[in-house]
Each structure stands twice: as C-alpha cells, then as structure tokens.
Amino acid sequence: MIESTPALPASYPFDPFSLAAYPQDYWARAESRKCFQADKSKVEVNWTEVDSQRRVTRKRITTLAELSTYTNQNPPARDGLRIIGIPQGNSWRPLKITPDMLSNIIDSTRASPEILELFLSFCQRTLPVEEAFSGAPFVRWNKDNNSVLEIAYVFKYAFQKPTEDGVSSWVLRTTGVYQKYDQKTKSSTWIFMHPTTDCPFQRRLTDALVSTDQYARLMEHPLLMHNILFATYFPNWRDYLAYNQARVLPVSPVTGLVNRTHGSLDDNHRNLAAVRSVEYSCAPLQAIFRSTREIFDKMHLANQFLEDHGQAGQPKTEAMRQLLDNYLNHVDAYSQSALFLQGQTARAAQLLSDAISFKISITTQAQTDYMLDLTVSTSDDSMTVRVITIVTLIYLPSTFMAVSSNTPGDGLPSGGKVSI
C-alpha cells in the first residue's frame, strides 16, 4: 500500500528566495511520478559515518524506526563525513525509500527544499522519457549566515551494461548528488541517489573511505569527492561515441567503404533502421553535455567560495580550478564529436532514404512499362482477331461449297460426283 504524503519537514518554512518556495508542490509531483517505494519490504538506505579519527561506520537501514535512530544523532563530527546512499531497484524503478523516510532525512540534514528537484529524476518509468533532461545544478551559500555551502545536481552518463547473453549494451544512467559543507566544523553531509543497489561509483567511494591514503587525499579539498563520480563515468562518453560510430560506418553509404545504395530494398531498409537507431541514441547528447558543462561551471563558483572563505589552501583551490577547466575542455570535445556523428548519421540516413525512393521509383516504372507492353500486346492481338473476323465474313459466302453425294436419299447425282 502506498503511504500518504508526509508532513513537510520542519526545515521548510516559506522562503521567497528559494527555487522551491512551495515545497508541497514538489512532494505532490514526486508522488504522482511514483518516485518512492510503495513496498516497505524493499526499502534500503545505506548510511556511512566517518568521524574525526577516520573511523568508518556503515549501516544498511530498512525501516523508518531504524533510520530515526541515526537521524536523531548529532551532525557529523568536526572534519567528519556523513554519506547517505539511496538506490533505485534499477534505473527505471523508484527510489528504495518511503516519503516518510525521505522527510526524516531532509529534516535531519536541514537540506534546502531545492533538493526535492533531484528526486523527481528517479521515478517509475515504462518508456525512456526525459533522457535529455538533466535539470540545472544548484549552488547556495547564503544559509545560516553564509556558514553552509550546498551543491546539488543530476549527473547523466553513458554506462556499458552487460546483458544475459553476454553482449554489452550502452545505456544512459543518472546519479543524483547533494553536498552540504559546514564551514564551522569543516564537515560534509552527502546524499547520493544511485541507479542501482551496487554500481561502480558506490564501490569506489567505499574503497576510498576505508583506504587511509585515499581518504587523506580526499580531505585536502571539500569538493574532491565529486571527482570520484566524474572520474568513474565521464570518460565513458568517448567509448559511447565510438561505439555508435562503429554501428553506423559499416552500413553508411557515405563512408566510401562500400556502396550500400546498390543493395536490395530489404538491405537498404535494414541499413536505414540501423542508422536511425544511432541517430536516436545521439539525439539527447547535446542537452546532456550542456547540463554537464553547467555542473562544472557551478563547481567553479563553489571552489571560489571555499577559497574566499579560507576553507582550502590556494594551491588546492588552484588545482581544483585546473581540474574543472580540463573537464570543461573534454565536454566541448565530446560535444563536437557528437555533432559530427549526428551529421554523419543524418547524411547517411538521407542518402539511404533517397536510394530507397529511387529503387521504389525504378520498380514502379518497370511495372508500369510491363503493364503498358501488356496492354499494347493485347491491343495488337485484338486488332488481329478483328481483321481475321472481318476477312472471314467478307470472303466466306463466295467460297461456300455445296457438297452432294450419289448415295440414294442423299440428293447426290448418280456416280457420286460433286457439283460446284
């Protein structure tokens, strides 16, 4: 049974400066989109706490009562981390959390209502809707007298998913990220929305937390944990583009590899379907890359804020600035490659469509010529029959033969001679 919409978190008074000035609207939209788990037996929240001594505590939570024992605790310790992971059953299923549990988490973290926009991207689906929609990244630092920095965004990426037959297929997936950094305690609270219960980013994040060396490096800058996500999935775009180009090149008539327009109609139809499939796969890329670019731009703002408030040393903030610039350069490179591939598929599709139309017109013309020849032949045959009939009608009476027989009773003369 689906639970009723919970009361709004206590941390959500009316805020006219907020994008989500009316949070109740977001709750209603999340309910209508089926973003929450209706079956309580499938609930799962992964809670990870790292204290100032770098001791890691991990817990898998499956009930609201169990969650409350953790959310009622104090905020993260100084120089500590709190990471809350909320997975989906799969990328087309709702988050494995109930509305009351989410309300409890938001209340305890005092997250801004804009975080609700992230949850709308993780809903029940039966069709690949919103593949090009990533939303807009959110950055805010004017809460609690500028002592808190908040960052939230939806990160879309290509992922190579293994299938049951052992053949990998590429899909588009989404991870939601929320970070709240407290300048006073130099601690961070993170909320991650994962597309599956176990994904590469989760595994690498866990490895980084339990590794003394990796954890020490991550603590050099409050934003470095974002790069675990970026470094895990962002390079996949090059492989995704190469995979789709490899699909279109063998069937494209514009590559010079082979003239595909000389094949049969069935062959050209199959080739056109393959090219259209690649065209469809590339359609959302420009919107995704634009959104990814916005994420890196907003990370620049957050990095500058941390530098201005002395939360990271100048060498580290400069290193972060260069890292983000390099990501921006790669986004532009992927975007240009995607534009080229889209143009290549469009030209191939047009040429194949023209070839199909040309072959259909040739076939139609051949059929028309055949019917015309058949009509002419029939007409000629009909004329011949009419001529023979007319000639017969004219000449038959004058050549009529009367045959007589000399047989008695037959009216023939004696001797059996015939008179003409």
Protein backbone atom coordinates (compact mmCIF):
# COMPACT_ATOMS: atom_id res chain seq x y z
CA MET A 1 0.00 0.00 0.00
CA ILE A 2 1.34 3.44 -0.94
CA GLU A 3 1.86 5.69 2.05
CA SER A 4 0.22 9.08 2.28
CA THR A 5 2.19 12.21 1.59
CA PRO A 6 4.14 13.11 4.74
CA ALA A 7 4.04 16.42 6.52
CA LEU A 8 6.60 18.88 5.22
CA PRO A 9 9.95 18.79 7.01
CA ALA A 10 10.31 21.28 9.82
CA SER A 11 13.24 22.86 7.99
CA TYR A 12 10.94 24.09 5.21
CA PRO A 13 9.44 27.43 6.21
CA PHE A 14 8.31 29.66 3.37
CA ASP A 15 11.35 31.07 1.57
CA PRO A 16 10.63 33.54 -1.25
CA PHE A 17 14.31 33.40 -2.28
CA SER A 18 14.10 29.67 -2.96
CA LEU A 19 13.52 27.93 -6.29
CA ALA A 20 11.23 25.63 -4.33
CA ALA A 21 9.28 28.32 -2.50
CA TYR A 22 6.32 25.91 -2.30
CA PRO A 23 7.81 22.53 -1.35
CA GLN A 24 4.39 20.89 -1.13
CA ASP A 25 4.21 21.10 -4.93
CA TYR A 26 7.39 19.04 -5.21
CA TRP A 27 6.08 16.41 -2.83
CA ALA A 28 2.89 16.12 -4.88
CA ARG A 29 4.88 15.81 -8.11
CA ALA A 30 7.15 13.17 -6.57
CA GLU A 31 4.08 11.17 -5.52
CA SER A 32 2.45 11.45 -8.95
CA ARG A 33 5.69 10.38 -10.66
CA LYS A 34 5.99 7.39 -8.32
CA CYS A 35 9.44 8.35 -7.05
CA PHE A 36 9.03 6.47 -3.78
CA GLN A 37 8.94 2.80 -2.87
CA ALA A 38 5.45 1.51 -2.12
CA ASP A 39 6.59 -1.88 -0.80
CA LYS A 40 8.19 -1.40 2.63
CA SER A 41 9.98 -4.74 2.34
CA LYS A 42 12.11 -3.28 -0.47
CA VAL A 43 13.28 -0.18 1.39
CA GLU A 44 17.05 0.38 1.56
CA VAL A 45 19.14 3.31 2.80
CA ASN A 46 22.90 3.00 3.18
CA TRP A 47 24.28 5.13 5.99
CA THR A 48 28.04 5.77 6.28
CA GLU A 49 29.66 7.83 9.01
CA VAL A 50 33.33 8.84 9.20
CA ASP A 51 34.45 10.55 12.41
CA SER A 52 37.40 12.82 13.05
CA GLN A 53 39.57 9.78 13.84
CA ARG A 54 38.73 8.39 10.39
CA ARG A 55 36.76 5.51 11.83
CA VAL A 56 34.19 4.32 9.29
CA THR A 57 30.76 3.07 10.36
CA ARG A 58 28.44 1.60 7.75
CA LYS A 59 24.84 0.52 8.17
CA ARG A 60 22.12 -0.73 5.84
CA ILE A 61 18.77 0.66 7.01
CA THR A 62 15.43 -0.88 6.06
CA THR A 63 12.84 0.77 8.36
CA LEU A 64 11.81 4.26 9.41
CA ALA A 65 12.36 3.44 13.08
CA GLU A 66 15.89 2.28 12.38
CA LEU A 67 16.56 5.39 10.30
CA SER A 68 15.34 7.64 13.11
CA THR A 69 17.99 6.29 15.48
CA TYR A 70 20.62 7.65 13.09
CA THR A 71 18.97 10.91 12.04
CA ASN A 72 18.45 11.83 15.71
CA GLN A 73 22.20 11.80 16.21
CA ASN A 74 24.25 14.96 16.21
CA PRO A 75 25.52 16.38 12.89
CA PRO A 76 28.78 14.98 11.53
CA ALA A 77 31.78 15.43 13.79
CA ARG A 78 34.40 18.05 13.04
CA ASP A 79 36.34 17.07 9.92
CA GLY A 80 33.91 14.19 9.53
CA LEU A 81 31.67 12.84 6.79
CA ARG A 82 28.12 11.60 6.65
CA ILE A 83 27.09 9.81 3.46
CA ILE A 84 23.51 8.72 2.81
CA GLY A 85 23.02 6.46 -0.21
CA ILE A 86 19.55 5.88 -1.66
CA PRO A 87 19.46 3.38 -4.56
CA GLN A 88 16.87 2.53 -7.15
CA GLY A 89 15.86 -1.05 -7.87
CA ASN A 90 17.13 -0.30 -11.36
CA SER A 91 17.31 2.85 -13.45
CA TRP A 92 13.60 2.60 -14.39
CA ARG A 93 12.33 1.92 -10.86
CA PRO A 94 11.54 4.29 -7.97
CA LEU A 95 13.99 5.05 -5.20
CA LYS A 96 14.03 2.44 -2.46
CA ILE A 97 12.75 4.84 0.17
CA THR A 98 9.35 5.88 1.51
CA PRO A 99 8.17 9.52 1.66
CA ASP A 100 8.34 9.50 5.48
CA MET A 101 11.93 8.27 5.42
CA LEU A 102 12.96 10.95 2.94
CA SER A 103 11.22 13.60 5.05
CA ASN A 104 13.15 12.32 8.06
CA ILE A 105 16.46 12.58 6.20
CA ILE A 106 15.76 16.08 4.91
CA ASP A 107 14.71 17.21 8.38
CA SER A 108 17.88 15.88 9.99
CA THR A 109 20.24 17.31 7.38
CA ARG A 110 18.36 20.64 7.11
CA ALA A 111 18.80 20.49 3.35
CA SER A 112 17.28 23.26 1.26
CA PRO A 113 13.99 22.39 -0.47
CA GLU A 114 15.73 22.54 -3.84
CA ILE A 115 16.96 19.02 -3.14
CA LEU A 116 13.45 17.79 -3.97
CA GLU A 117 14.07 18.64 -7.62
CA LEU A 118 16.70 15.90 -7.71
CA PHE A 119 14.30 13.20 -6.55
CA LEU A 120 11.94 13.90 -9.46
CA SER A 121 14.55 12.39 -11.80
CA PHE A 122 14.30 9.00 -10.07
CA CYS A 123 10.85 7.68 -10.77
CA GLN A 124 8.92 4.74 -12.15
CA ARG A 125 9.29 4.53 -15.94
CA THR A 126 7.89 2.39 -18.71
CA LEU A 127 9.35 4.49 -21.54
CA PRO A 128 12.73 6.25 -21.95
CA VAL A 129 11.30 9.66 -21.06
CA GLU A 130 13.48 12.64 -20.09
CA GLU A 131 16.65 11.06 -21.46
CA ALA A 132 17.85 14.52 -22.49
CA PHE A 133 16.76 16.21 -19.25
CA SER A 134 19.35 16.60 -16.53
CA GLY A 135 17.95 19.62 -14.74
CA ALA A 136 20.07 22.54 -13.60
CA PRO A 137 22.78 22.37 -10.93
CA PHE A 138 22.02 24.16 -7.67
CA VAL A 139 24.55 26.09 -5.58
CA ARG A 140 23.71 28.07 -2.45
CA TRP A 141 25.79 29.57 0.33
CA ASN A 142 23.55 32.22 1.88
CA LYS A 143 22.02 29.97 4.56
CA ASP A 144 22.94 30.25 8.25
CA ASN A 145 24.93 33.46 7.80
CA ASN A 146 26.94 32.11 4.89
CA SER A 147 28.34 29.29 7.02
CA VAL A 148 26.95 26.50 4.83
CA LEU A 149 27.66 25.66 1.19
CA GLU A 150 25.12 23.50 -0.65
CA ILE A 151 25.59 21.85 -4.03
CA ALA A 152 23.04 19.66 -5.81
CA TYR A 153 22.86 18.29 -9.34
CA VAL A 154 21.82 15.36 -11.51
CA PHE A 155 24.74 13.79 -13.37
CA LYS A 156 23.96 11.84 -16.54
CA TYR A 157 26.46 9.49 -18.14
CA ALA A 158 26.83 6.58 -20.53
CA PHE A 159 27.16 3.14 -18.98
CA GLN A 160 28.01 -0.20 -20.57
CA LYS A 161 25.53 -2.69 -19.16
CA PRO A 162 26.13 -6.44 -19.53
CA THR A 163 23.16 -8.44 -20.77
CA GLU A 164 22.06 -12.01 -20.19
CA ASP A 165 23.50 -13.20 -23.50
CA GLY A 166 26.91 -11.83 -22.54
CA VAL A 167 26.80 -8.94 -25.02
CA SER A 168 27.22 -5.49 -23.51
CA SER A 169 24.88 -2.68 -24.44
CA TRP A 170 25.21 1.03 -23.77
CA VAL A 171 22.56 2.87 -21.76
CA LEU A 172 22.17 6.34 -20.24
CA ARG A 173 22.09 6.46 -16.45
CA THR A 174 21.65 9.08 -13.75
CA THR A 175 23.18 9.76 -10.35
CA GLY A 176 21.87 12.46 -8.03
CA VAL A 177 24.30 14.35 -5.78
CA TYR A 178 23.72 16.64 -2.80
CA GLN A 179 26.52 18.06 -0.64
CA LYS A 180 26.20 20.28 2.39
CA TYR A 181 29.50 21.63 3.67
CA ASP A 182 29.62 23.29 7.10
CA GLN A 183 32.43 25.83 7.36
CA LYS A 184 32.33 25.87 11.16
CA THR A 185 33.02 22.17 11.59
CA LYS A 186 34.65 21.56 8.20
CA SER A 187 32.37 18.55 7.80
CA SER A 188 30.24 17.42 4.87
CA THR A 189 26.89 15.69 4.59
CA TRP A 190 26.31 13.87 1.31
CA ILE A 191 23.17 12.36 -0.18
CA PHE A 192 23.60 10.18 -3.26
CA MET A 193 20.81 8.78 -5.42
CA HIS A 194 22.14 5.73 -7.26
CA PRO A 195 20.61 3.99 -10.32
CA THR A 196 21.20 0.51 -8.85
CA THR A 197 21.93 -1.09 -5.50
CA ASP A 198 25.54 -1.74 -6.45
CA CYS A 199 27.33 0.43 -9.01
CA PRO A 200 30.98 1.28 -9.77
CA PHE A 201 30.78 4.70 -8.11
CA GLN A 202 29.50 3.17 -4.85
CA ARG A 203 32.29 0.62 -4.81
CA ARG A 204 34.99 3.20 -5.47
CA LEU A 205 33.54 5.53 -2.85
CA THR A 206 33.65 2.73 -0.28
CA ASP A 207 37.21 1.86 -1.24
CA ALA A 208 38.26 5.50 -0.83
CA LEU A 209 36.71 5.76 2.63
CA VAL A 210 38.43 2.64 4.00
CA SER A 211 41.80 3.46 2.40
CA THR A 212 43.93 5.63 4.66
CA ASP A 213 45.86 7.15 1.77
CA GLN A 214 42.86 7.82 -0.48
CA TYR A 215 40.81 9.30 2.35
CA ALA A 216 43.63 11.63 3.35
CA ARG A 217 43.91 12.87 -0.24
CA LEU A 218 40.14 13.42 -0.47
CA MET A 219 40.17 15.60 2.64
CA GLU A 220 42.59 18.06 1.00
CA HIS A 221 39.61 19.83 -0.61
CA PRO A 222 35.89 19.70 0.29
CA LEU A 223 34.87 19.15 -3.35
CA LEU A 224 37.19 16.29 -4.24
CA MET A 225 34.62 13.56 -3.60
CA HIS A 226 32.72 14.82 -6.64
CA ASN A 227 35.67 13.74 -8.74
CA ILE A 228 35.19 10.09 -7.76
CA LEU A 229 31.87 10.28 -9.60
CA PHE A 230 33.26 12.27 -12.54
CA ALA A 231 36.37 10.13 -12.98
CA THR A 232 34.31 6.92 -12.84
CA TYR A 233 31.77 7.75 -15.54
CA PHE A 234 32.76 10.85 -17.50
CA PRO A 235 35.40 9.12 -19.73
CA ASN A 236 32.70 6.68 -20.88
CA TRP A 237 31.42 9.26 -23.36
CA ARG A 238 34.33 8.70 -25.73
CA ASP A 239 33.65 4.95 -25.81
CA TYR A 240 29.92 5.58 -26.22
CA LEU A 241 30.51 7.84 -29.23
CA ALA A 242 32.99 5.37 -30.76
CA TYR A 243 30.52 2.51 -30.25
CA ASN A 244 27.76 4.38 -32.08
CA GLN A 245 30.08 5.44 -34.88
CA ALA A 246 31.14 1.80 -35.29
CA ARG A 247 27.45 0.93 -35.68
CA VAL A 248 26.85 3.44 -38.46
CA LEU A 249 30.06 3.13 -40.51
CA PRO A 250 29.50 -0.40 -41.92
CA VAL A 251 26.04 0.48 -43.22
CA SER A 252 26.67 4.08 -44.21
CA PRO A 253 26.78 4.78 -47.96
CA VAL A 254 28.88 7.91 -47.41
CA THR A 255 31.97 6.32 -45.86
CA GLY A 256 33.48 5.02 -49.08
CA LEU A 257 33.86 1.53 -47.59
CA VAL A 258 31.21 0.05 -49.87
CA ASN A 259 28.38 1.39 -51.95
CA ARG A 260 25.36 0.48 -49.87
CA THR A 261 22.83 2.05 -52.25
CA HIS A 262 23.22 -0.81 -54.76
CA GLY A 263 21.76 -3.40 -52.38
CA SER A 264 18.25 -4.73 -52.38
CA LEU A 265 15.35 -2.82 -50.89
CA ASP A 266 15.38 -5.09 -47.85
CA ASP A 267 19.10 -4.45 -47.30
CA ASN A 268 18.65 -0.70 -47.58
CA HIS A 269 15.71 -0.78 -45.19
CA ARG A 270 17.80 -2.66 -42.61
CA ASN A 271 20.69 -0.24 -43.07
CA LEU A 272 18.38 2.74 -42.70
CA ALA A 273 16.92 1.28 -39.50
CA ALA A 274 20.46 0.85 -38.10
CA VAL A 275 21.38 4.44 -38.95
CA ARG A 276 18.14 5.78 -37.46
CA SER A 277 18.89 3.85 -34.26
CA VAL A 278 22.25 5.61 -33.95
CA GLU A 279 20.58 8.92 -34.72
CA TYR A 280 18.12 8.30 -31.88
CA SER A 281 20.94 7.38 -29.47
CA CYS A 282 22.77 10.62 -30.22
CA ALA A 283 19.71 12.89 -30.04
CA PRO A 284 19.90 13.73 -26.29
CA LEU A 285 23.68 14.22 -26.14
CA GLN A 286 23.83 17.98 -26.76
CA ALA A 287 21.37 18.66 -23.94
CA ILE A 288 23.28 16.34 -21.61
CA PHE A 289 26.65 17.90 -22.42
CA ARG A 290 25.22 21.38 -21.91
CA SER A 291 23.93 20.37 -18.48
CA THR A 292 27.26 18.73 -17.61
CA ARG A 293 29.03 21.93 -18.56
CA GLU A 294 26.75 23.84 -16.18
CA ILE A 295 27.71 21.46 -13.38
CA PHE A 296 31.42 22.19 -13.85
CA ASP A 297 30.72 25.93 -14.05
CA LYS A 298 28.84 25.84 -10.74
CA MET A 299 31.63 23.80 -9.20
CA HIS A 300 33.93 26.67 -10.17
CA LEU A 301 31.72 29.02 -8.14
CA ALA A 302 31.79 26.68 -5.15
CA ASN A 303 35.57 26.37 -5.40
CA GLN A 304 35.92 30.15 -5.45
CA PHE A 305 33.64 30.46 -2.41
CA LEU A 306 35.76 27.98 -0.47
CA GLU A 307 38.93 29.83 -1.42
CA ASP A 308 37.47 33.20 -0.43
CA HIS A 309 36.43 31.83 2.97
CA GLY A 310 39.71 30.09 3.68
CA GLN A 311 38.29 26.57 3.56
CA ALA A 312 41.01 25.28 1.24
CA GLY A 313 44.54 26.44 0.59
CA GLN A 314 45.31 28.37 -2.58
CA PRO A 315 47.38 25.55 -4.14
CA LYS A 316 44.47 23.13 -3.68
CA THR A 317 41.83 25.52 -5.00
CA GLU A 318 44.06 26.25 -7.99
CA ALA A 319 44.44 22.51 -8.62
CA MET A 320 40.65 22.18 -8.43
CA ARG A 321 40.26 25.09 -10.84
CA GLN A 322 42.55 23.41 -13.37
CA LEU A 323 40.73 20.08 -12.92
CA LEU A 324 37.36 21.70 -13.66
CA ASP A 325 38.79 23.57 -16.66
CA ASN A 326 40.09 20.29 -18.06
CA TYR A 327 36.66 18.71 -17.63
CA LEU A 328 35.11 21.66 -19.45
CA ASN A 329 37.54 21.16 -22.32
CA HIS A 330 36.60 17.50 -22.54
CA VAL A 331 32.90 18.34 -22.50
CA ASP A 332 33.46 20.60 -25.50
CA ALA A 333 35.44 17.88 -27.27
CA TYR A 334 32.72 15.29 -26.69
CA SER A 335 30.08 17.77 -27.81
CA GLN A 336 31.92 18.42 -31.08
CA SER A 337 32.36 14.69 -31.67
CA ALA A 338 28.66 14.15 -31.04
CA LEU A 339 27.77 16.90 -33.51
CA PHE A 340 29.98 15.28 -36.15
CA LEU A 341 28.41 11.88 -35.53
CA GLN A 342 24.91 13.37 -35.71
CA GLY A 343 25.77 14.99 -39.03
CA GLN A 344 27.27 11.75 -40.32
CA THR A 345 24.18 9.74 -39.40
CA ALA A 346 21.87 12.38 -40.86
CA ARG A 347 23.70 12.31 -44.21
CA ALA A 348 23.76 8.52 -44.25
CA ALA A 349 20.05 8.34 -43.43
CA GLN A 350 19.20 10.84 -46.16
CA LEU A 351 21.25 9.01 -48.80
CA LEU A 352 19.73 5.66 -47.84
CA SER A 353 16.25 7.19 -47.94
CA ASP A 354 16.97 8.62 -51.39
CA ALA A 355 18.30 5.24 -52.55
CA ILE A 356 15.16 3.50 -51.29
CA SER A 357 12.94 6.07 -53.02
CA PHE A 358 14.97 5.72 -56.22
CA LYS A 359 14.72 1.93 -56.18
CA ILE A 360 10.99 2.12 -55.50
CA SER A 361 10.55 4.53 -58.42
CA ILE A 362 12.57 2.21 -60.70
CA THR A 363 10.45 -0.77 -59.63
CA THR A 364 7.28 1.24 -60.16
CA GLN A 365 8.46 2.38 -63.59
CA ALA A 366 9.33 -1.20 -64.56
CA GLN A 367 5.89 -2.38 -63.51
CA THR A 368 4.29 0.48 -65.44
CA ASP A 369 6.30 -0.37 -68.57
CA TYR A 370 5.33 -4.02 -68.24
CA MET A 371 1.65 -3.16 -67.94
CA LEU A 372 1.94 -0.83 -70.94
CA ASP A 373 3.62 -3.53 -73.02
CA LEU A 374 0.95 -6.00 -71.97
CA THR A 375 -1.78 -3.54 -72.93
CA VAL A 376 -0.19 -2.85 -76.32
CA SER A 377 0.25 -6.58 -76.94
CA THR A 378 -3.36 -7.24 -76.02
CA SER A 379 -4.47 -4.41 -78.26
CA ASP A 380 -2.44 -5.81 -81.16
CA ASP A 381 -3.88 -9.28 -80.62
CA SER A 382 -7.38 -7.84 -80.52
CA MET A 383 -6.80 -5.98 -83.81
CA THR A 384 -5.57 -9.18 -85.48
CA VAL A 385 -8.64 -11.08 -84.36
CA ARG A 386 -10.90 -8.35 -85.67
CA VAL A 387 -9.16 -8.33 -89.08
CA ILE A 388 -9.43 -12.11 -89.43
CA THR A 389 -13.08 -11.99 -88.46
CA ILE A 390 -13.87 -9.25 -90.98
CA VAL A 391 -11.99 -11.03 -93.79
CA THR A 392 -13.77 -14.26 -92.98
CA LEU A 393 -17.15 -12.57 -93.01
CA ILE A 394 -16.40 -10.96 -96.39
CA TYR A 395 -14.98 -13.94 -98.23
CA LEU A 396 -16.75 -16.91 -96.71
CA PRO A 397 -20.11 -16.56 -98.60
CA SER A 398 -18.45 -16.51 -102.06
CA THR A 399 -16.45 -19.61 -101.35
CA PHE A 400 -19.25 -21.58 -99.82
CA MET A 401 -19.12 -25.18 -101.02
CA ALA A 402 -22.16 -27.31 -101.58
CA VAL A 403 -21.34 -30.94 -101.25
CA SER A 404 -23.51 -33.60 -102.91
CA SER A 405 -23.45 -37.32 -102.61
CA ASN A 406 -24.63 -40.04 -105.02
CA THR A 407 -25.90 -42.05 -102.17
CA PRO A 408 -29.59 -42.70 -102.59
CA GLY A 409 -31.64 -40.47 -100.42
CA ASP A 410 -28.77 -38.03 -100.04
CA GLY A 411 -29.68 -35.93 -103.04
CA LEU A 412 -26.46 -36.66 -104.91
CA PRO A 413 -26.33 -37.43 -108.61
CA SER A 414 -25.62 -40.93 -109.74
CA GLY A 415 -21.95 -41.70 -109.83
CA GLY A 416 -21.29 -39.77 -106.60
CA LYS A 417 -19.90 -36.68 -108.31
CA VAL A 418 -19.92 -33.35 -106.68
CA SER A 419 -21.29 -30.33 -108.49
CA ILE A 420 -19.77 -26.97 -107.68
